[in-house]
Amino acid sequence: MLFAYRSPNSFGNIFSSMRISMIPRLSTTWLVPLALTIVSVCSSAARTTAQTIYPFAGNYSTTVTITPITDNVSQVVERGDSLDAPYGLNQYNGLTYSRTDTNGNLSFNNDPAAFGIQGYQFGYLTFGSDTNKVLGFGDGNASVDLENQTSKGSGIVNITDGEGIFTNAGGTLFYSENDQVTLGSTIILKGQALVTGSIQVPEPGNTATLVGIGALGAGLLLRQRRLKSV
């Protein structure tokens, strides 16, 4: 077998050409993940910063009707009306479920399956009766003094959505409640509840702007790199 002779300089020229031809390809390769990173960072920034926060505090006159399903599990219908709740959220309605322990105290949850009950509607909590509404679910507890026929309760509402200015809302509300108890085949609790917390609403316009800026910046980087490689 014959080997063609090449001078050392010839081999050096070949390797130099290979290095030059690889540079644009390598540069373009690392620019792609960089571009995706820019878009991702802008998207994350939009999700964490582009929102309006509505502080909330309202006092509600409440009526809670507790209807037994089993010996210790009941369906609970709630209604509250307020004269000072902001943003038009002056009414709330809810469907939830309760379980009574051996001491007569109650725990509440919107999911009937949490108390081993099947075939019942998943509960809800709705604040507002007009254009603006806040939707969510929650849980809580109440201690009952049967001797004095009073109860004290507290809990949390996890906001999942809304309507009007609260479309796509999130956030958390906390409540505390004091009631008078009327015993019977259905148990009626009437009292006062204080609801506080904050409602967070994303701003679609700002989110789209930030993501667009990220995409534009990434596109410019890629375009400049292509021009240099031509």
C-alpha atoms as a PDB file:
ATOM      1  CA  MET A   1       0.000   0.000   0.000  1.00  0.00           C
ATOM      2  CA  LEU A   2       1.351   3.395  -0.923  1.00  0.00           C
ATOM      3  CA  PHE A   3       1.106   6.484   1.250  1.00  0.00           C
ATOM      4  CA  ALA A   4       1.164   9.929  -0.293  1.00  0.00           C
ATOM      5  CA  TYR A   5       3.644  12.189   1.412  1.00  0.00           C
ATOM      6  CA  ARG A   6       2.347  15.390   2.985  1.00  0.00           C
ATOM      7  CA  SER A   7       4.500  18.007   4.525  1.00  0.00           C
ATOM      8  CA  PRO A   8       3.944  19.068   8.158  1.00  0.00           C
ATOM      9  CA  ASN A   9       2.600  22.386   6.911  1.00  0.00           C
ATOM     10  CA  SER A  10      -0.080  20.589   4.889  1.00  0.00           C
ATOM     11  CA  PHE A  11      -1.360  18.759   7.954  1.00  0.00           C
ATOM     12  CA  GLY A  12      -1.363  22.027   9.888  1.00  0.00           C
ATOM     13  CA  ASN A  13      -3.504  23.693   7.205  1.00  0.00           C
ATOM     14  CA  ILE A  14      -6.023  20.825   7.270  1.00  0.00           C
ATOM     15  CA  PHE A  15      -6.452  21.000  11.055  1.00  0.00           C
ATOM     16  CA  SER A  16      -6.773  24.807  10.920  1.00  0.00           C
ATOM     17  CA  SER A  17      -9.557  24.525   8.336  1.00  0.00           C
ATOM     18  CA  MET A  18     -11.370  21.962  10.496  1.00  0.00           C
ATOM     19  CA  ARG A  19     -11.211  24.252  13.533  1.00  0.00           C
ATOM     20  CA  ILE A  20     -12.515  27.246  11.595  1.00  0.00           C
ATOM     21  CA  SER A  21     -15.435  25.305  10.106  1.00  0.00           C
ATOM     22  CA  MET A  22     -16.459  23.995  13.547  1.00  0.00           C
ATOM     23  CA  ILE A  23     -16.567  27.386  15.327  1.00  0.00           C
ATOM     24  CA  PRO A  24     -19.880  28.706  13.913  1.00  0.00           C
ATOM     25  CA  ARG A  25     -21.582  25.349  14.494  1.00  0.00           C
ATOM     26  CA  LEU A  26     -20.420  25.168  18.124  1.00  0.00           C
ATOM     27  CA  SER A  27     -21.386  28.794  18.743  1.00  0.00           C
ATOM     28  CA  THR A  28     -24.847  28.249  17.295  1.00  0.00           C
ATOM     29  CA  THR A  29     -25.253  25.114  19.403  1.00  0.00           C
ATOM     30  CA  TRP A  30     -24.708  26.912  22.701  1.00  0.00           C
ATOM     31  CA  LEU A  31     -26.830  29.873  21.623  1.00  0.00           C
ATOM     32  CA  VAL A  32     -29.967  27.726  21.343  1.00  0.00           C
ATOM     33  CA  PRO A  33     -30.089  26.772  25.050  1.00  0.00           C
ATOM     34  CA  LEU A  34     -29.116  30.357  25.911  1.00  0.00           C
ATOM     35  CA  ALA A  35     -32.097  31.633  23.936  1.00  0.00           C
ATOM     36  CA  LEU A  36     -34.420  29.166  25.653  1.00  0.00           C
ATOM     37  CA  THR A  37     -33.004  30.198  29.030  1.00  0.00           C
ATOM     38  CA  ILE A  38     -33.759  33.873  28.313  1.00  0.00           C
ATOM     39  CA  VAL A  39     -37.366  33.073  27.427  1.00  0.00           C
ATOM     40  CA  SER A  40     -37.711  30.830  30.495  1.00  0.00           C
ATOM     41  CA  VAL A  41     -36.303  33.467  32.864  1.00  0.00           C
ATOM     42  CA  CYS A  42     -38.621  36.131  31.477  1.00  0.00           C
ATOM     43  CA  SER A  43     -41.588  33.777  31.765  1.00  0.00           C
ATOM     44  CA  SER A  44     -40.705  32.984  35.386  1.00  0.00           C
ATOM     45  CA  ALA A  45     -40.285  36.669  36.183  1.00  0.00           C
ATOM     46  CA  ALA A  46     -43.667  37.373  34.650  1.00  0.00           C
ATOM     47  CA  ARG A  47     -45.330  34.676  36.727  1.00  0.00           C
ATOM     48  CA  THR A  48     -43.792  35.936  39.988  1.00  0.00           C
ATOM     49  CA  THR A  49     -44.021  39.720  39.539  1.00  0.00           C
ATOM     50  CA  ALA A  50     -46.822  40.567  37.102  1.00  0.00           C
ATOM     51  CA  GLN A  51     -49.795  40.501  39.449  1.00  0.00           C
ATOM     52  CA  THR A  52     -52.131  42.812  41.318  1.00  0.00           C
ATOM     53  CA  ILE A  53     -52.668  42.154  45.024  1.00  0.00           C
ATOM     54  CA  TYR A  54     -56.003  43.090  46.582  1.00  0.00           C
ATOM     55  CA  PRO A  55     -55.895  43.222  50.403  1.00  0.00           C
ATOM     56  CA  PHE A  56     -59.130  41.940  51.873  1.00  0.00           C
ATOM     57  CA  ALA A  57     -61.004  42.340  55.172  1.00  0.00           C
ATOM     58  CA  GLY A  58     -64.734  41.961  55.713  1.00  0.00           C
ATOM     59  CA  ASN A  59     -67.202  41.253  58.522  1.00  0.00           C
ATOM     60  CA  TYR A  60     -70.066  38.900  57.686  1.00  0.00           C
ATOM     61  CA  SER A  61     -73.309  38.017  59.426  1.00  0.00           C
ATOM     62  CA  THR A  62     -73.538  34.271  58.921  1.00  0.00           C
ATOM     63  CA  THR A  63     -76.082  31.476  58.896  1.00  0.00           C
ATOM     64  CA  VAL A  64     -74.838  27.882  58.796  1.00  0.00           C
ATOM     65  CA  THR A  65     -77.253  24.973  58.378  1.00  0.00           C
ATOM     66  CA  ILE A  66     -75.925  21.523  59.312  1.00  0.00           C
ATOM     67  CA  THR A  67     -77.906  18.515  58.039  1.00  0.00           C
ATOM     68  CA  PRO A  68     -76.803  15.024  59.196  1.00  0.00           C
ATOM     69  CA  ILE A  69     -75.839  12.398  56.590  1.00  0.00           C
ATOM     70  CA  THR A  70     -74.529   9.745  58.980  1.00  0.00           C
ATOM     71  CA  ASP A  71     -74.098   9.621  62.758  1.00  0.00           C
ATOM     72  CA  ASN A  72     -71.082  11.930  62.678  1.00  0.00           C
ATOM     73  CA  VAL A  73     -70.922  13.402  59.139  1.00  0.00           C
ATOM     74  CA  SER A  74     -73.166  16.231  57.909  1.00  0.00           C
ATOM     75  CA  GLN A  75     -73.734  18.435  54.888  1.00  0.00           C
ATOM     76  CA  VAL A  76     -73.248  22.131  55.623  1.00  0.00           C
ATOM     77  CA  VAL A  77     -74.789  25.061  53.741  1.00  0.00           C
ATOM     78  CA  GLU A  78     -73.369  28.515  54.501  1.00  0.00           C
ATOM     79  CA  ARG A  79     -74.526  32.057  53.802  1.00  0.00           C
ATOM     80  CA  GLY A  80     -72.903  35.332  54.833  1.00  0.00           C
ATOM     81  CA  ASP A  81     -73.735  39.003  54.225  1.00  0.00           C
ATOM     82  CA  SER A  82     -71.453  41.965  54.796  1.00  0.00           C
ATOM     83  CA  LEU A  83     -71.830  45.738  54.886  1.00  0.00           C
ATOM     84  CA  ASP A  84     -68.099  46.487  54.718  1.00  0.00           C
ATOM     85  CA  ALA A  85     -66.510  43.867  52.427  1.00  0.00           C
ATOM     86  CA  PRO A  86     -64.567  45.557  49.584  1.00  0.00           C
ATOM     87  CA  TYR A  87     -64.700  45.001  45.796  1.00  0.00           C
ATOM     88  CA  GLY A  88     -68.380  44.082  45.823  1.00  0.00           C
ATOM     89  CA  LEU A  89     -67.731  40.816  47.687  1.00  0.00           C
ATOM     90  CA  ASN A  90     -70.508  41.551  50.157  1.00  0.00           C
ATOM     91  CA  GLN A  91     -72.021  38.067  50.098  1.00  0.00           C
ATOM     92  CA  TYR A  92     -70.682  34.572  50.366  1.00  0.00           C
ATOM     93  CA  ASN A  93     -72.258  31.172  49.833  1.00  0.00           C
ATOM     94  CA  GLY A  94     -70.787  27.774  50.483  1.00  0.00           C
ATOM     95  CA  LEU A  95     -71.395  24.061  50.438  1.00  0.00           C
ATOM     96  CA  THR A  96     -69.136  21.963  52.630  1.00  0.00           C
ATOM     97  CA  TYR A  97     -69.143  18.928  54.911  1.00  0.00           C
ATOM     98  CA  SER A  98     -68.463  18.420  58.597  1.00  0.00           C
ATOM     99  CA  ARG A  99     -67.470  15.589  60.886  1.00  0.00           C
ATOM    100  CA  THR A 100     -68.207  15.582  64.620  1.00  0.00           C
ATOM    101  CA  ASP A 101     -65.680  14.025  66.999  1.00  0.00           C
ATOM    102  CA  THR A 102     -66.417  12.356  70.350  1.00  0.00           C
ATOM    103  CA  ASN A 103     -66.231  15.725  72.124  1.00  0.00           C
ATOM    104  CA  GLY A 104     -68.796  17.317  69.810  1.00  0.00           C
ATOM    105  CA  ASN A 105     -66.285  19.456  67.949  1.00  0.00           C
ATOM    106  CA  LEU A 106     -66.531  19.907  64.173  1.00  0.00           C
ATOM    107  CA  SER A 107     -64.035  19.731  61.323  1.00  0.00           C
ATOM    108  CA  PHE A 108     -65.011  21.082  57.896  1.00  0.00           C
ATOM    109  CA  ASN A 109     -63.882  20.173  54.384  1.00  0.00           C
ATOM    110  CA  ASN A 110     -65.279  20.809  50.896  1.00  0.00           C
ATOM    111  CA  ASP A 111     -64.426  17.257  49.825  1.00  0.00           C
ATOM    112  CA  PRO A 112     -66.988  14.729  51.118  1.00  0.00           C
ATOM    113  CA  ALA A 113     -64.527  11.912  50.385  1.00  0.00           C
ATOM    114  CA  ALA A 114     -62.287  13.342  53.127  1.00  0.00           C
ATOM    115  CA  PHE A 115     -64.927  12.080  55.573  1.00  0.00           C
ATOM    116  CA  GLY A 116     -65.583   8.815  53.748  1.00  0.00           C
ATOM    117  CA  ILE A 117     -68.784   9.997  52.021  1.00  0.00           C
ATOM    118  CA  GLN A 118     -69.384   9.010  48.389  1.00  0.00           C
ATOM    119  CA  GLY A 119     -71.945  10.247  45.862  1.00  0.00           C
ATOM    120  CA  TYR A 120     -72.156  13.812  47.136  1.00  0.00           C
ATOM    121  CA  GLN A 121     -71.298  17.009  45.283  1.00  0.00           C
ATOM    122  CA  PHE A 122     -67.846  18.491  45.840  1.00  0.00           C
ATOM    123  CA  GLY A 123     -68.253  21.628  47.916  1.00  0.00           C
ATOM    124  CA  TYR A 124     -67.419  25.232  47.070  1.00  0.00           C
ATOM    125  CA  LEU A 125     -67.097  28.731  48.460  1.00  0.00           C
ATOM    126  CA  THR A 126     -68.150  31.793  46.462  1.00  0.00           C
ATOM    127  CA  PHE A 127     -67.640  35.414  47.492  1.00  0.00           C
ATOM    128  CA  GLY A 128     -69.624  38.040  45.556  1.00  0.00           C
ATOM    129  CA  SER A 129     -73.039  38.102  43.941  1.00  0.00           C
ATOM    130  CA  ASP A 130     -72.597  40.513  41.039  1.00  0.00           C
ATOM    131  CA  THR A 131     -69.828  41.188  38.508  1.00  0.00           C
ATOM    132  CA  ASN A 132     -66.869  40.474  40.765  1.00  0.00           C
ATOM    133  CA  LYS A 133     -66.607  37.024  42.320  1.00  0.00           C
ATOM    134  CA  VAL A 134     -63.976  34.971  44.092  1.00  0.00           C
ATOM    135  CA  LEU A 135     -64.133  31.162  43.974  1.00  0.00           C
ATOM    136  CA  GLY A 136     -62.356  28.677  46.194  1.00  0.00           C
ATOM    137  CA  PHE A 137     -62.429  25.805  48.639  1.00  0.00           C
ATOM    138  CA  GLY A 138     -61.330  25.445  52.217  1.00  0.00           C
ATOM    139  CA  ASP A 139     -61.316  23.631  55.516  1.00  0.00           C
ATOM    140  CA  GLY A 140     -61.671  24.587  59.145  1.00  0.00           C
ATOM    141  CA  ASN A 141     -62.617  23.585  62.676  1.00  0.00           C
ATOM    142  CA  ALA A 142     -65.152  24.628  65.281  1.00  0.00           C
ATOM    143  CA  SER A 143     -65.395  23.946  68.986  1.00  0.00           C
ATOM    144  CA  VAL A 144     -68.940  23.670  70.347  1.00  0.00           C
ATOM    145  CA  ASP A 145     -70.087  24.502  73.870  1.00  0.00           C
ATOM    146  CA  LEU A 146     -73.367  22.595  74.130  1.00  0.00           C
ATOM    147  CA  GLU A 147     -74.093  23.845  77.635  1.00  0.00           C
ATOM    148  CA  ASN A 148     -74.090  27.484  76.541  1.00  0.00           C
ATOM    149  CA  GLN A 149     -75.057  26.644  72.949  1.00  0.00           C
ATOM    150  CA  THR A 150     -72.198  28.594  71.399  1.00  0.00           C
ATOM    151  CA  SER A 151     -69.397  27.741  69.019  1.00  0.00           C
ATOM    152  CA  LYS A 152     -66.110  29.215  67.853  1.00  0.00           C
ATOM    153  CA  GLY A 153     -64.522  28.352  64.537  1.00  0.00           C
ATOM    154  CA  SER A 154     -61.674  29.263  62.210  1.00  0.00           C
ATOM    155  CA  GLY A 155     -60.280  28.113  58.905  1.00  0.00           C
ATOM    156  CA  ILE A 156     -58.726  28.892  55.558  1.00  0.00           C
ATOM    157  CA  VAL A 157     -60.042  29.533  52.051  1.00  0.00           C
ATOM    158  CA  ASN A 158     -57.783  28.704  49.094  1.00  0.00           C
ATOM    159  CA  ILE A 159     -58.778  30.874  46.131  1.00  0.00           C
ATOM    160  CA  THR A 160     -58.800  28.987  42.828  1.00  0.00           C
ATOM    161  CA  ASP A 161     -60.420  31.427  40.362  1.00  0.00           C
ATOM    162  CA  GLY A 162     -62.808  34.343  40.035  1.00  0.00           C
ATOM    163  CA  GLU A 163     -64.837  36.559  37.783  1.00  0.00           C
ATOM    164  CA  GLY A 164     -64.756  40.232  36.829  1.00  0.00           C
ATOM    165  CA  ILE A 165     -61.580  41.865  38.145  1.00  0.00           C
ATOM    166  CA  PHE A 166     -60.761  38.573  39.875  1.00  0.00           C
ATOM    167  CA  THR A 167     -60.531  36.379  36.763  1.00  0.00           C
ATOM    168  CA  ASN A 168     -57.752  33.784  37.253  1.00  0.00           C
ATOM    169  CA  ALA A 169     -57.373  34.871  40.872  1.00  0.00           C
ATOM    170  CA  GLY A 170     -55.388  33.051  43.538  1.00  0.00           C
ATOM    171  CA  GLY A 171     -54.467  33.727  47.118  1.00  0.00           C
ATOM    172  CA  THR A 172     -55.566  32.843  50.634  1.00  0.00           C
ATOM    173  CA  LEU A 173     -58.277  34.085  52.976  1.00  0.00           C
ATOM    174  CA  PHE A 174     -58.545  33.311  56.684  1.00  0.00           C
ATOM    175  CA  TYR A 175     -61.696  33.416  58.759  1.00  0.00           C
ATOM    176  CA  SER A 176     -62.687  33.321  62.425  1.00  0.00           C
ATOM    177  CA  GLU A 177     -66.293  32.957  63.543  1.00  0.00           C
ATOM    178  CA  ASN A 178     -68.445  33.103  66.680  1.00  0.00           C
ATOM    179  CA  ASP A 179     -71.934  31.587  66.626  1.00  0.00           C
ATOM    180  CA  GLN A 180     -75.041  30.855  68.614  1.00  0.00           C
ATOM    181  CA  VAL A 181     -76.146  27.226  68.252  1.00  0.00           C
ATOM    182  CA  THR A 182     -79.748  26.100  67.750  1.00  0.00           C
ATOM    183  CA  LEU A 183     -80.120  22.324  68.157  1.00  0.00           C
ATOM    184  CA  GLY A 184     -82.641  20.194  66.280  1.00  0.00           C
ATOM    185  CA  SER A 185     -82.945  17.710  63.428  1.00  0.00           C
ATOM    186  CA  THR A 186     -80.817  20.265  61.601  1.00  0.00           C
ATOM    187  CA  ILE A 187     -78.371  22.396  63.567  1.00  0.00           C
ATOM    188  CA  ILE A 188     -78.349  26.142  62.903  1.00  0.00           C
ATOM    189  CA  LEU A 189     -75.347  28.332  63.659  1.00  0.00           C
ATOM    190  CA  LYS A 190     -75.860  32.098  63.520  1.00  0.00           C
ATOM    191  CA  GLY A 191     -73.128  34.574  64.211  1.00  0.00           C
ATOM    192  CA  GLN A 192     -70.366  36.830  62.950  1.00  0.00           C
ATOM    193  CA  ALA A 193     -67.314  35.982  60.857  1.00  0.00           C
ATOM    194  CA  LEU A 194     -64.222  38.060  60.128  1.00  0.00           C
ATOM    195  CA  VAL A 195     -62.523  37.243  56.825  1.00  0.00           C
ATOM    196  CA  THR A 196     -59.046  38.609  56.041  1.00  0.00           C
ATOM    197  CA  GLY A 197     -56.211  37.944  53.611  1.00  0.00           C
ATOM    198  CA  SER A 198     -55.276  38.902  50.068  1.00  0.00           C
ATOM    199  CA  ILE A 199     -56.432  38.126  46.544  1.00  0.00           C
ATOM    200  CA  GLN A 200     -53.802  37.930  43.789  1.00  0.00           C
ATOM    201  CA  VAL A 201     -54.646  38.427  40.132  1.00  0.00           C
ATOM    202  CA  PRO A 202     -52.108  37.949  37.289  1.00  0.00           C
ATOM    203  CA  GLU A 203     -51.750  40.720  34.737  1.00  0.00           C
ATOM    204  CA  PRO A 204     -51.879  39.091  31.260  1.00  0.00           C
ATOM    205  CA  GLY A 205     -50.648  42.209  29.452  1.00  0.00           C
ATOM    206  CA  ASN A 206     -47.464  42.491  31.507  1.00  0.00           C
ATOM    207  CA  THR A 207     -46.841  38.762  31.294  1.00  0.00           C
ATOM    208  CA  ALA A 208     -47.086  38.781  27.495  1.00  0.00           C
ATOM    209  CA  THR A 209     -44.772  41.819  27.325  1.00  0.00           C
ATOM    210  CA  LEU A 210     -42.039  40.213  29.424  1.00  0.00           C
ATOM    211  CA  VAL A 211     -42.177  36.940  27.532  1.00  0.00           C
ATOM    212  CA  GLY A 212     -42.145  38.845  24.238  1.00  0.00           C
ATOM    213  CA  ILE A 213     -39.050  40.798  25.278  1.00  0.00           C
ATOM    214  CA  GLY A 214     -37.306  37.551  26.157  1.00  0.00           C
ATOM    215  CA  ALA A 215     -38.229  35.956  22.837  1.00  0.00           C
ATOM    216  CA  LEU A 216     -37.115  39.064  20.909  1.00  0.00           C
ATOM    217  CA  GLY A 217     -33.756  39.133  22.694  1.00  0.00           C
ATOM    218  CA  ALA A 218     -33.182  35.462  22.013  1.00  0.00           C
ATOM    219  CA  GLY A 219     -34.092  35.927  18.335  1.00  0.00           C
ATOM    220  CA  LEU A 220     -31.626  38.807  17.947  1.00  0.00           C
ATOM    221  CA  LEU A 221     -28.812  36.736  19.446  1.00  0.00           C
ATOM    222  CA  LEU A 222     -29.452  33.915  17.026  1.00  0.00           C
ATOM    223  CA  ARG A 223     -29.722  36.269  14.034  1.00  0.00           C
ATOM    224  CA  GLN A 224     -26.456  38.053  14.874  1.00  0.00           C
ATOM    225  CA  ARG A 225     -24.708  34.729  15.199  1.00  0.00           C
ATOM    226  CA  ARG A 226     -25.959  33.543  11.812  1.00  0.00           C
ATOM    227  CA  LEU A 227     -24.787  36.757  10.136  1.00  0.00           C
ATOM    228  CA  LYS A 228     -21.306  36.342  11.600  1.00  0.00           C
ATOM    229  CA  SER A 229     -21.104  32.758  10.408  1.00  0.00           C
ATOM    230  CA  VAL A 230     -21.950  33.638   6.774  1.00  0.00           C
END
